[in-house]
Amino acid sequence: MPLGPASAPASPPTPPRLLENPGQVPVDTGTGDLVNATIRQVVRVSVAGSAVRLRLSNEGGVDVLAIGAMHVGLAGPDGSVLPDTDHIVTFAGLPGTNIPAGAPLLSDPIMLPVKALDRLAISLYAPGRLPVRNVRALWQYVAGPSGDSGAMPVLSKVRLVNAPVILTQVEVAPTQPTSVVVALGDSITEGYGSTNNAFRGWTDRLAERLAARPGRQRWAVLNAGIGGNRLLGYGAGPNALARFDRDVLSVPGVKAVILLEGINDIGRSFSPPRSKRSCNGGRPDRGGQTDHRAGA
């Protein structure tokens, strides 16, 4: 996720043909950087738990990333937060933090009970500048007024923006014995072609089927798909071999992996090789899909 200053003009993001937007929130396709802004991302967890923990990433950044404040609660329609579910996110007991360039960061555990397939609204206030020019981006809710609006149940003058992904993972402290299956792949795994913000990719369907299974043993599904990813060559983010340890073997409770890679190795096998530095400021990319891990 490159978070340094833009070095080239950005082309306007194309509004997706498939976007879950029942309330007809305005879609902003501008390319101006987000400054002093509150961004709200909606994610879905795959298992029930008594607490959650958030993983943020500045692994593709070339500058320190300042986090002014964060909130998490159960998501309502159109990026709203359900009443009495808002929680302040802290880092070593503090409400804000700085993430060094090239580094991830875990929040403190948040005592927010969740059920399998619950949607969470996670609000991040960034007092600095977030370039919209970003390969790893999702359509997220952005407040119209500047400043910290994270505690508001409904963001004022909200709009949907193809904003950079800072939250890359939600860890859940499970209430039942839980194993993890990691889906390691490219854009097909990431969810390309399915309705944006609707959780209709094949990994989402897998999570639904596993959640519906009877019995005490539960399975959490971790989506580790990166659009354009390759098995061996550096494409959009580190190749599957380079990230296997981080994205699969280091996952607490992992018991299985589903590998769906290779089409980009075939389709781009004659493309000129690109260096990590030319792709991402010299730093590895984490990928844009939020993961749902079991175990805090």
C-alpha atoms as a PDB file:
ATOM      1  CA  MET A   1       0.000   0.000   0.000  1.00  0.00           C
ATOM      2  CA  PRO A   2       2.087   2.964  -1.149  1.00  0.00           C
ATOM      3  CA  LEU A   3       1.412   5.867   1.145  1.00  0.00           C
ATOM      4  CA  GLY A   4       4.091   8.297   0.069  1.00  0.00           C
ATOM      5  CA  PRO A   5       3.493  11.463  -1.970  1.00  0.00           C
ATOM      6  CA  ALA A   6       2.124  10.931  -5.447  1.00  0.00           C
ATOM      7  CA  SER A   7       4.836  10.935  -8.085  1.00  0.00           C
ATOM      8  CA  ALA A   8       2.561  10.817 -11.136  1.00  0.00           C
ATOM      9  CA  PRO A   9      -0.888  12.116 -12.042  1.00  0.00           C
ATOM     10  CA  ALA A  10      -3.623   9.717 -11.012  1.00  0.00           C
ATOM     11  CA  SER A  11      -6.319   8.598 -13.395  1.00  0.00           C
ATOM     12  CA  PRO A  12      -9.835   8.929 -11.975  1.00  0.00           C
ATOM     13  CA  PRO A  13     -11.169   5.661 -10.531  1.00  0.00           C
ATOM     14  CA  THR A  14     -14.048   4.284 -12.565  1.00  0.00           C
ATOM     15  CA  PRO A  15     -17.277   3.878 -10.589  1.00  0.00           C
ATOM     16  CA  PRO A  16     -17.886   0.137 -10.228  1.00  0.00           C
ATOM     17  CA  ARG A  17     -20.818  -1.289 -12.145  1.00  0.00           C
ATOM     18  CA  LEU A  18     -21.558  -3.524  -9.162  1.00  0.00           C
ATOM     19  CA  LEU A  19     -21.567  -1.654  -5.851  1.00  0.00           C
ATOM     20  CA  GLU A  20     -23.772  -2.320  -2.842  1.00  0.00           C
ATOM     21  CA  ASN A  21     -25.195   1.137  -2.165  1.00  0.00           C
ATOM     22  CA  PRO A  22     -28.871   0.842  -1.157  1.00  0.00           C
ATOM     23  CA  GLY A  23     -29.006   4.361   0.244  1.00  0.00           C
ATOM     24  CA  GLN A  24     -27.552   5.894  -2.937  1.00  0.00           C
ATOM     25  CA  VAL A  25     -24.610   7.452  -1.102  1.00  0.00           C
ATOM     26  CA  PRO A  26     -22.813   9.802  -3.556  1.00  0.00           C
ATOM     27  CA  VAL A  27     -19.851   8.128  -5.264  1.00  0.00           C
ATOM     28  CA  ASP A  28     -16.773  10.358  -5.463  1.00  0.00           C
ATOM     29  CA  THR A  29     -14.401   9.442  -8.313  1.00  0.00           C
ATOM     30  CA  GLY A  30     -12.015  12.340  -7.719  1.00  0.00           C
ATOM     31  CA  THR A  31      -8.287  11.818  -7.418  1.00  0.00           C
ATOM     32  CA  GLY A  32      -7.505  14.411  -4.755  1.00  0.00           C
ATOM     33  CA  ASP A  33      -5.668  13.156  -1.691  1.00  0.00           C
ATOM     34  CA  LEU A  34      -7.619  12.687   1.530  1.00  0.00           C
ATOM     35  CA  VAL A  35      -6.419  15.167   4.159  1.00  0.00           C
ATOM     36  CA  ASN A  36      -7.598  15.434   7.778  1.00  0.00           C
ATOM     37  CA  ALA A  37     -10.311  12.902   6.959  1.00  0.00           C
ATOM     38  CA  THR A  38     -12.416  10.228   8.640  1.00  0.00           C
ATOM     39  CA  ILE A  39     -12.707   6.994   6.651  1.00  0.00           C
ATOM     40  CA  ARG A  40     -15.114   4.195   7.556  1.00  0.00           C
ATOM     41  CA  GLN A  41     -14.523   0.674   6.248  1.00  0.00           C
ATOM     42  CA  VAL A  42     -17.109  -2.091   6.537  1.00  0.00           C
ATOM     43  CA  VAL A  43     -15.787  -5.639   7.003  1.00  0.00           C
ATOM     44  CA  ARG A  44     -17.331  -8.990   7.865  1.00  0.00           C
ATOM     45  CA  VAL A  45     -16.068 -11.527  10.390  1.00  0.00           C
ATOM     46  CA  SER A  46     -16.509 -15.237   9.745  1.00  0.00           C
ATOM     47  CA  VAL A  47     -16.652 -16.603  13.311  1.00  0.00           C
ATOM     48  CA  ALA A  48     -18.224 -15.629  16.623  1.00  0.00           C
ATOM     49  CA  GLY A  49     -16.040 -14.211  19.368  1.00  0.00           C
ATOM     50  CA  SER A  50     -15.862 -12.257  22.599  1.00  0.00           C
ATOM     51  CA  ALA A  51     -13.368  -9.645  21.383  1.00  0.00           C
ATOM     52  CA  VAL A  52     -11.665  -8.381  18.246  1.00  0.00           C
ATOM     53  CA  ARG A  53      -8.291  -6.947  17.431  1.00  0.00           C
ATOM     54  CA  LEU A  54      -7.367  -4.859  14.396  1.00  0.00           C
ATOM     55  CA  ARG A  55      -4.263  -5.063  12.239  1.00  0.00           C
ATOM     56  CA  LEU A  56      -3.251  -1.886  10.431  1.00  0.00           C
ATOM     57  CA  SER A  57      -0.606  -1.698   7.748  1.00  0.00           C
ATOM     58  CA  ASN A  58       1.867   0.870   6.528  1.00  0.00           C
ATOM     59  CA  GLU A  59       3.990  -1.867   4.986  1.00  0.00           C
ATOM     60  CA  GLY A  60       3.958  -0.201   1.586  1.00  0.00           C
ATOM     61  CA  GLY A  61       4.474   3.290   2.969  1.00  0.00           C
ATOM     62  CA  VAL A  62       7.560   5.456   2.670  1.00  0.00           C
ATOM     63  CA  ASP A  63       6.519   7.877   5.421  1.00  0.00           C
ATOM     64  CA  VAL A  64       5.209   7.560   8.965  1.00  0.00           C
ATOM     65  CA  LEU A  65       1.413   7.140   8.979  1.00  0.00           C
ATOM     66  CA  ALA A  66      -0.365   9.075  11.744  1.00  0.00           C
ATOM     67  CA  ILE A  67      -3.585   7.606  13.158  1.00  0.00           C
ATOM     68  CA  GLY A  68      -5.466  10.252  15.112  1.00  0.00           C
ATOM     69  CA  ALA A  69      -8.274   8.039  16.394  1.00  0.00           C
ATOM     70  CA  MET A  70     -10.175   4.841  15.597  1.00  0.00           C
ATOM     71  CA  HIS A  71     -13.615   3.446  16.438  1.00  0.00           C
ATOM     72  CA  VAL A  72     -15.274   0.100  15.791  1.00  0.00           C
ATOM     73  CA  GLY A  73     -18.903  -0.969  16.106  1.00  0.00           C
ATOM     74  CA  LEU A  74     -21.527  -3.156  14.483  1.00  0.00           C
ATOM     75  CA  ALA A  75     -22.358  -1.860  11.021  1.00  0.00           C
ATOM     76  CA  GLY A  76     -25.759  -0.579   9.979  1.00  0.00           C
ATOM     77  CA  PRO A  77     -26.859   0.403   6.461  1.00  0.00           C
ATOM     78  CA  ASP A  78     -24.813   2.749   4.286  1.00  0.00           C
ATOM     79  CA  GLY A  79     -21.797   2.906   6.564  1.00  0.00           C
ATOM     80  CA  SER A  80     -23.665   3.736   9.753  1.00  0.00           C
ATOM     81  CA  VAL A  81     -22.928   2.288  13.221  1.00  0.00           C
ATOM     82  CA  LEU A  82     -25.651   0.554  15.212  1.00  0.00           C
ATOM     83  CA  PRO A  83     -26.620   2.278  18.497  1.00  0.00           C
ATOM     84  CA  ASP A  84     -24.712   1.341  21.663  1.00  0.00           C
ATOM     85  CA  THR A  85     -22.054  -0.684  19.811  1.00  0.00           C
ATOM     86  CA  ASP A  86     -19.354   1.966  19.275  1.00  0.00           C
ATOM     87  CA  HIS A  87     -15.981   1.237  20.913  1.00  0.00           C
ATOM     88  CA  ILE A  88     -12.837   3.348  20.984  1.00  0.00           C
ATOM     89  CA  VAL A  89      -9.794   1.538  19.586  1.00  0.00           C
ATOM     90  CA  THR A  90      -6.569   2.000  21.543  1.00  0.00           C
ATOM     91  CA  PHE A  91      -2.915   1.235  20.926  1.00  0.00           C
ATOM     92  CA  ALA A  92      -0.932   0.467  24.081  1.00  0.00           C
ATOM     93  CA  GLY A  93      -3.732   2.258  25.927  1.00  0.00           C
ATOM     94  CA  LEU A  94      -3.611   5.397  23.784  1.00  0.00           C
ATOM     95  CA  PRO A  95      -6.324   6.514  21.323  1.00  0.00           C
ATOM     96  CA  GLY A  96      -3.888   7.408  18.530  1.00  0.00           C
ATOM     97  CA  THR A  97      -0.574   6.194  17.199  1.00  0.00           C
ATOM     98  CA  ASN A  98       2.063   6.525  14.487  1.00  0.00           C
ATOM     99  CA  ILE A  99       2.848   3.563  12.230  1.00  0.00           C
ATOM    100  CA  PRO A 100       6.451   3.556  10.982  1.00  0.00           C
ATOM    101  CA  ALA A 101       7.092   3.240   7.263  1.00  0.00           C
ATOM    102  CA  GLY A 102       7.175  -0.384   6.172  1.00  0.00           C
ATOM    103  CA  ALA A 103       5.504  -1.708   9.315  1.00  0.00           C
ATOM    104  CA  PRO A 104       2.213  -3.219  10.490  1.00  0.00           C
ATOM    105  CA  LEU A 105       0.575  -2.508  13.846  1.00  0.00           C
ATOM    106  CA  LEU A 106      -1.896  -4.361  16.065  1.00  0.00           C
ATOM    107  CA  SER A 107      -4.462  -2.604  18.233  1.00  0.00           C
ATOM    108  CA  ASP A 108      -5.279  -3.507  21.790  1.00  0.00           C
ATOM    109  CA  PRO A 109      -8.039  -6.130  22.149  1.00  0.00           C
ATOM    110  CA  ILE A 110     -11.512  -4.580  21.928  1.00  0.00           C
ATOM    111  CA  MET A 111     -14.226  -6.194  24.054  1.00  0.00           C
ATOM    112  CA  LEU A 112     -16.838  -6.228  21.326  1.00  0.00           C
ATOM    113  CA  PRO A 113     -18.821  -9.503  21.115  1.00  0.00           C
ATOM    114  CA  VAL A 114     -19.484 -10.580  17.532  1.00  0.00           C
ATOM    115  CA  LYS A 115     -21.466 -13.326  15.843  1.00  0.00           C
ATOM    116  CA  ALA A 116     -20.410 -15.229  12.756  1.00  0.00           C
ATOM    117  CA  LEU A 117     -20.971 -13.108   9.628  1.00  0.00           C
ATOM    118  CA  ASP A 118     -21.468  -9.872  11.588  1.00  0.00           C
ATOM    119  CA  ARG A 119     -20.449  -6.732   9.741  1.00  0.00           C
ATOM    120  CA  LEU A 120     -18.233  -4.223  11.521  1.00  0.00           C
ATOM    121  CA  ALA A 121     -17.879  -0.527  10.766  1.00  0.00           C
ATOM    122  CA  ILE A 122     -14.327   0.584  11.489  1.00  0.00           C
ATOM    123  CA  SER A 123     -13.658   4.331  11.457  1.00  0.00           C
ATOM    124  CA  LEU A 124     -10.157   5.744  11.088  1.00  0.00           C
ATOM    125  CA  TYR A 125      -9.252   9.399  11.480  1.00  0.00           C
ATOM    126  CA  ALA A 126      -6.112  10.322   9.546  1.00  0.00           C
ATOM    127  CA  PRO A 127      -4.956  13.869  10.406  1.00  0.00           C
ATOM    128  CA  GLY A 128      -2.342  13.803   7.658  1.00  0.00           C
ATOM    129  CA  ARG A 129      -2.489  13.065   3.939  1.00  0.00           C
ATOM    130  CA  LEU A 130      -3.633   9.810   2.338  1.00  0.00           C
ATOM    131  CA  PRO A 131      -3.030   9.644  -1.413  1.00  0.00           C
ATOM    132  CA  VAL A 132      -6.004   8.237  -3.304  1.00  0.00           C
ATOM    133  CA  ARG A 133      -3.570   7.002  -5.983  1.00  0.00           C
ATOM    134  CA  ASN A 134      -3.263   3.496  -4.633  1.00  0.00           C
ATOM    135  CA  VAL A 135      -3.407  -0.004  -6.096  1.00  0.00           C
ATOM    136  CA  ARG A 136      -4.744  -1.433  -2.851  1.00  0.00           C
ATOM    137  CA  ALA A 137      -7.964   0.472  -2.405  1.00  0.00           C
ATOM    138  CA  LEU A 138     -11.601  -0.217  -1.573  1.00  0.00           C
ATOM    139  CA  TRP A 139     -14.795   1.816  -1.847  1.00  0.00           C
ATOM    140  CA  GLN A 140     -15.099   3.224   1.667  1.00  0.00           C
ATOM    141  CA  TYR A 141     -17.278   5.803   3.400  1.00  0.00           C
ATOM    142  CA  VAL A 142     -15.624   9.194   3.909  1.00  0.00           C
ATOM    143  CA  ALA A 143     -17.088  12.027   5.995  1.00  0.00           C
ATOM    144  CA  GLY A 144     -17.630  15.337   4.226  1.00  0.00           C
ATOM    145  CA  PRO A 145     -16.383  17.681   6.979  1.00  0.00           C
ATOM    146  CA  SER A 146     -12.701  17.603   7.908  1.00  0.00           C
ATOM    147  CA  GLY A 147     -11.644  16.341  11.315  1.00  0.00           C
ATOM    148  CA  ASP A 148     -12.484  13.393  13.518  1.00  0.00           C
ATOM    149  CA  SER A 149     -16.041  12.122  12.953  1.00  0.00           C
ATOM    150  CA  GLY A 150     -15.433   8.519  13.961  1.00  0.00           C
ATOM    151  CA  ALA A 151     -17.773   8.583  16.973  1.00  0.00           C
ATOM    152  CA  MET A 152     -20.753   9.701  14.875  1.00  0.00           C
ATOM    153  CA  PRO A 153     -23.277   6.905  14.168  1.00  0.00           C
ATOM    154  CA  VAL A 154     -23.922   8.420  10.721  1.00  0.00           C
ATOM    155  CA  LEU A 155     -21.159  10.343   8.960  1.00  0.00           C
ATOM    156  CA  SER A 156     -22.141  13.838   7.878  1.00  0.00           C
ATOM    157  CA  LYS A 157     -22.218  14.500   4.112  1.00  0.00           C
ATOM    158  CA  VAL A 158     -20.844  11.010   3.597  1.00  0.00           C
ATOM    159  CA  ARG A 159     -19.568   9.862   0.214  1.00  0.00           C
ATOM    160  CA  LEU A 160     -18.059   6.660  -1.172  1.00  0.00           C
ATOM    161  CA  VAL A 161     -14.407   7.034  -2.155  1.00  0.00           C
ATOM    162  CA  ASN A 162     -11.955   4.510  -3.573  1.00  0.00           C
ATOM    163  CA  ALA A 163      -9.751   5.067  -0.537  1.00  0.00           C
ATOM    164  CA  PRO A 164      -6.464   3.447   0.505  1.00  0.00           C
ATOM    165  CA  VAL A 165      -6.722   0.342   2.676  1.00  0.00           C
ATOM    166  CA  ILE A 166      -5.136   0.777   6.108  1.00  0.00           C
ATOM    167  CA  LEU A 167      -7.045  -1.945   7.957  1.00  0.00           C
ATOM    168  CA  THR A 168      -5.845  -5.286   6.604  1.00  0.00           C
ATOM    169  CA  GLN A 169      -7.054  -7.799   9.163  1.00  0.00           C
ATOM    170  CA  VAL A 170      -9.562  -8.452  11.917  1.00  0.00           C
ATOM    171  CA  GLU A 171      -8.576 -10.987  14.546  1.00  0.00           C
ATOM    172  CA  VAL A 172     -11.377 -12.592  16.553  1.00  0.00           C
ATOM    173  CA  ALA A 173     -11.065 -14.230  19.995  1.00  0.00           C
ATOM    174  CA  PRO A 174     -13.359 -17.218  19.281  1.00  0.00           C
ATOM    175  CA  THR A 175     -15.983 -18.489  21.693  1.00  0.00           C
ATOM    176  CA  GLN A 176     -15.692 -22.059  20.343  1.00  0.00           C
ATOM    177  CA  PRO A 177     -12.801 -24.234  19.152  1.00  0.00           C
ATOM    178  CA  THR A 178     -11.852 -22.703  15.820  1.00  0.00           C
ATOM    179  CA  SER A 179      -9.532 -23.617  12.980  1.00  0.00           C
ATOM    180  CA  VAL A 180      -8.498 -21.319  10.149  1.00  0.00           C
ATOM    181  CA  VAL A 181      -8.478 -21.913   6.406  1.00  0.00           C
ATOM    182  CA  VAL A 182      -6.439 -19.427   4.365  1.00  0.00           C
ATOM    183  CA  ALA A 183      -7.420 -18.653   0.782  1.00  0.00           C
ATOM    184  CA  LEU A 184      -4.182 -17.622  -0.934  1.00  0.00           C
ATOM    185  CA  GLY A 185      -4.714 -16.277  -4.415  1.00  0.00           C
ATOM    186  CA  ASP A 186      -5.073 -13.453  -6.902  1.00  0.00           C
ATOM    187  CA  SER A 187      -8.004 -11.234  -7.911  1.00  0.00           C
ATOM    188  CA  ILE A 188     -10.385 -14.196  -8.203  1.00  0.00           C
ATOM    189  CA  THR A 189      -9.845 -14.858  -4.501  1.00  0.00           C
ATOM    190  CA  GLU A 190      -9.798 -11.164  -3.612  1.00  0.00           C
ATOM    191  CA  GLY A 191     -13.325 -10.896  -5.023  1.00  0.00           C
ATOM    192  CA  TYR A 192     -12.908  -9.294  -8.442  1.00  0.00           C
ATOM    193  CA  GLY A 193     -16.114  -9.392 -10.478  1.00  0.00           C
ATOM    194  CA  SER A 194     -18.431  -9.719  -7.490  1.00  0.00           C
ATOM    195  CA  THR A 195     -20.490  -6.826  -6.115  1.00  0.00           C
ATOM    196  CA  ASN A 196     -18.269  -4.348  -4.289  1.00  0.00           C
ATOM    197  CA  ASN A 197     -18.941  -4.071  -0.523  1.00  0.00           C
ATOM    198  CA  ALA A 198     -21.512  -6.904  -0.648  1.00  0.00           C
ATOM    199  CA  PHE A 199     -19.322  -9.849   0.487  1.00  0.00           C
ATOM    200  CA  ARG A 200     -20.302 -12.073  -2.434  1.00  0.00           C
ATOM    201  CA  GLY A 201     -16.906 -13.444  -3.444  1.00  0.00           C
ATOM    202  CA  TRP A 202     -16.269 -17.173  -3.305  1.00  0.00           C
ATOM    203  CA  THR A 203     -14.431 -16.870   0.023  1.00  0.00           C
ATOM    204  CA  ASP A 204     -17.497 -15.115   1.469  1.00  0.00           C
ATOM    205  CA  ARG A 205     -19.725 -17.938   0.243  1.00  0.00           C
ATOM    206  CA  LEU A 206     -17.320 -20.447   1.766  1.00  0.00           C
ATOM    207  CA  ALA A 207     -17.499 -18.620   5.119  1.00  0.00           C
ATOM    208  CA  GLU A 208     -21.308 -18.721   4.972  1.00  0.00           C
ATOM    209  CA  ARG A 209     -21.366 -22.453   4.281  1.00  0.00           C
ATOM    210  CA  LEU A 210     -18.893 -23.205   7.059  1.00  0.00           C
ATOM    211  CA  ALA A 211     -20.803 -21.007   9.521  1.00  0.00           C
ATOM    212  CA  ALA A 212     -23.996 -22.945   8.750  1.00  0.00           C
ATOM    213  CA  ARG A 213     -22.437 -26.340   9.492  1.00  0.00           C
ATOM    214  CA  PRO A 214     -23.644 -28.002  12.695  1.00  0.00           C
ATOM    215  CA  GLY A 215     -21.249 -29.000  15.447  1.00  0.00           C
ATOM    216  CA  ARG A 216     -18.982 -27.331  17.924  1.00  0.00           C
ATOM    217  CA  GLN A 217     -15.863 -27.105  15.742  1.00  0.00           C
ATOM    218  CA  ARG A 218     -15.789 -23.802  13.817  1.00  0.00           C
ATOM    219  CA  TRP A 219     -13.793 -22.628  10.805  1.00  0.00           C
ATOM    220  CA  ALA A 220     -12.632 -19.080  10.172  1.00  0.00           C
ATOM    221  CA  VAL A 221     -11.906 -18.037   6.588  1.00  0.00           C
ATOM    222  CA  LEU A 222      -8.967 -15.729   5.913  1.00  0.00           C
ATOM    223  CA  ASN A 223      -8.986 -14.071   2.495  1.00  0.00           C
ATOM    224  CA  ALA A 224      -5.378 -13.526   1.401  1.00  0.00           C
ATOM    225  CA  GLY A 225      -6.125 -12.672  -2.211  1.00  0.00           C
ATOM    226  CA  ILE A 226      -4.251  -9.879  -4.016  1.00  0.00           C
ATOM    227  CA  GLY A 227      -5.395  -8.742  -7.444  1.00  0.00           C
ATOM    228  CA  GLY A 228      -2.684  -9.346 -10.058  1.00  0.00           C
ATOM    229  CA  ASN A 229      -0.709 -11.639  -7.769  1.00  0.00           C
ATOM    230  CA  ARG A 230       1.682 -14.248  -9.175  1.00  0.00           C
ATOM    231  CA  LEU A 231       3.219 -17.437  -7.848  1.00  0.00           C
ATOM    232  CA  LEU A 232       6.854 -16.496  -8.443  1.00  0.00           C
ATOM    233  CA  GLY A 233       7.055 -13.127 -10.204  1.00  0.00           C
ATOM    234  CA  TYR A 234       6.555  -9.773  -8.498  1.00  0.00           C
ATOM    235  CA  GLY A 235       3.292  -8.327  -9.825  1.00  0.00           C
ATOM    236  CA  ALA A 236       0.787  -6.483  -7.661  1.00  0.00           C
ATOM    237  CA  GLY A 237       2.406  -7.101  -4.316  1.00  0.00           C
ATOM    238  CA  PRO A 238       4.848  -9.824  -3.268  1.00  0.00           C
ATOM    239  CA  ASN A 239       4.473 -13.159  -5.026  1.00  0.00           C
ATOM    240  CA  ALA A 240       2.773 -16.096  -3.335  1.00  0.00           C
ATOM    241  CA  LEU A 241       6.047 -17.778  -2.413  1.00  0.00           C
ATOM    242  CA  ALA A 242       7.431 -14.595  -0.828  1.00  0.00           C
ATOM    243  CA  ARG A 243       4.339 -13.991   1.311  1.00  0.00           C
ATOM    244  CA  PHE A 244       3.512 -17.592   2.200  1.00  0.00           C
ATOM    245  CA  ASP A 245       5.159 -17.397   5.616  1.00  0.00           C
ATOM    246  CA  ARG A 246       3.451 -14.126   6.597  1.00  0.00           C
ATOM    247  CA  ASP A 247       0.020 -14.783   5.103  1.00  0.00           C
ATOM    248  CA  VAL A 248      -0.307 -18.521   5.817  1.00  0.00           C
ATOM    249  CA  LEU A 249       2.205 -20.119   8.177  1.00  0.00           C
ATOM    250  CA  SER A 250       2.159 -17.286  10.734  1.00  0.00           C
ATOM    251  CA  VAL A 251      -1.634 -17.294  11.065  1.00  0.00           C
ATOM    252  CA  PRO A 252      -2.709 -18.537  14.530  1.00  0.00           C
ATOM    253  CA  GLY A 253      -4.820 -21.665  14.260  1.00  0.00           C
ATOM    254  CA  VAL A 254      -4.251 -22.272  10.551  1.00  0.00           C
ATOM    255  CA  LYS A 255      -5.125 -25.831   9.576  1.00  0.00           C
ATOM    256  CA  ALA A 256      -5.667 -25.627   5.811  1.00  0.00           C
ATOM    257  CA  VAL A 257      -4.817 -23.514   2.779  1.00  0.00           C
ATOM    258  CA  ILE A 258      -6.620 -23.153  -0.546  1.00  0.00           C
ATOM    259  CA  LEU A 259      -4.231 -22.066  -3.316  1.00  0.00           C
ATOM    260  CA  LEU A 260      -5.668 -20.433  -6.438  1.00  0.00           C
ATOM    261  CA  GLU A 261      -2.804 -18.815  -8.326  1.00  0.00           C
ATOM    262  CA  GLY A 262      -1.071 -19.029 -11.688  1.00  0.00           C
ATOM    263  CA  ILE A 263      -3.256 -17.250 -14.243  1.00  0.00           C
ATOM    264  CA  ASN A 264      -1.218 -14.047 -13.947  1.00  0.00           C
ATOM    265  CA  ASP A 265       2.020 -16.019 -14.328  1.00  0.00           C
ATOM    266  CA  ILE A 266       0.645 -17.378 -17.616  1.00  0.00           C
ATOM    267  CA  GLY A 267      -1.006 -14.215 -18.890  1.00  0.00           C
ATOM    268  CA  ARG A 268       1.925 -11.964 -18.028  1.00  0.00           C
ATOM    269  CA  SER A 269       4.777 -14.358 -18.596  1.00  0.00           C
ATOM    270  CA  PHE A 270       6.194 -12.183 -21.388  1.00  0.00           C
ATOM    271  CA  SER A 271       5.793  -8.868 -19.577  1.00  0.00           C
ATOM    272  CA  PRO A 272       9.007  -7.004 -18.680  1.00  0.00           C
ATOM    273  CA  PRO A 273       9.908  -7.746 -15.039  1.00  0.00           C
ATOM    274  CA  ARG A 274       9.207  -4.975 -12.558  1.00  0.00           C
ATOM    275  CA  SER A 275      11.281  -4.400  -9.457  1.00  0.00           C
ATOM    276  CA  LYS A 276       9.769  -4.079  -6.019  1.00  0.00           C
ATOM    277  CA  ARG A 277      11.036  -0.526  -5.856  1.00  0.00           C
ATOM    278  CA  SER A 278       9.359   0.510  -9.107  1.00  0.00           C
ATOM    279  CA  CYS A 279       6.082  -1.094  -8.034  1.00  0.00           C
ATOM    280  CA  ASN A 280       5.798   0.026  -4.479  1.00  0.00           C
ATOM    281  CA  GLY A 281       8.436   2.396  -3.281  1.00  0.00           C
ATOM    282  CA  GLY A 282      10.766  -0.474  -2.400  1.00  0.00           C
ATOM    283  CA  ARG A 283       8.444  -1.960   0.198  1.00  0.00           C
ATOM    284  CA  PRO A 284       6.285  -5.077   0.075  1.00  0.00           C
ATOM    285  CA  ASP A 285       2.556  -4.682  -0.367  1.00  0.00           C
ATOM    286  CA  ARG A 286       0.148  -6.295   2.052  1.00  0.00           C
ATOM    287  CA  GLY A 287      -2.853  -6.580  -0.224  1.00  0.00           C
ATOM    288  CA  GLY A 288      -6.214  -4.914  -0.073  1.00  0.00           C
ATOM    289  CA  GLN A 289      -8.520  -7.539   1.290  1.00  0.00           C
ATOM    290  CA  THR A 290      -9.408  -7.598   4.932  1.00  0.00           C
ATOM    291  CA  ASP A 291      -8.662 -10.925   6.607  1.00  0.00           C
ATOM    292  CA  HIS A 292     -10.720 -12.574   9.331  1.00  0.00           C
ATOM    293  CA  ARG A 293      -8.521 -14.540  11.692  1.00  0.00           C
ATOM    294  CA  ALA A 294      -9.397 -16.546  14.760  1.00  0.00           C
ATOM    295  CA  GLY A 295      -7.410 -15.978  17.904  1.00  0.00           C
ATOM    296  CA  ALA A 296      -6.256 -12.727  19.411  1.00  0.00           C
END
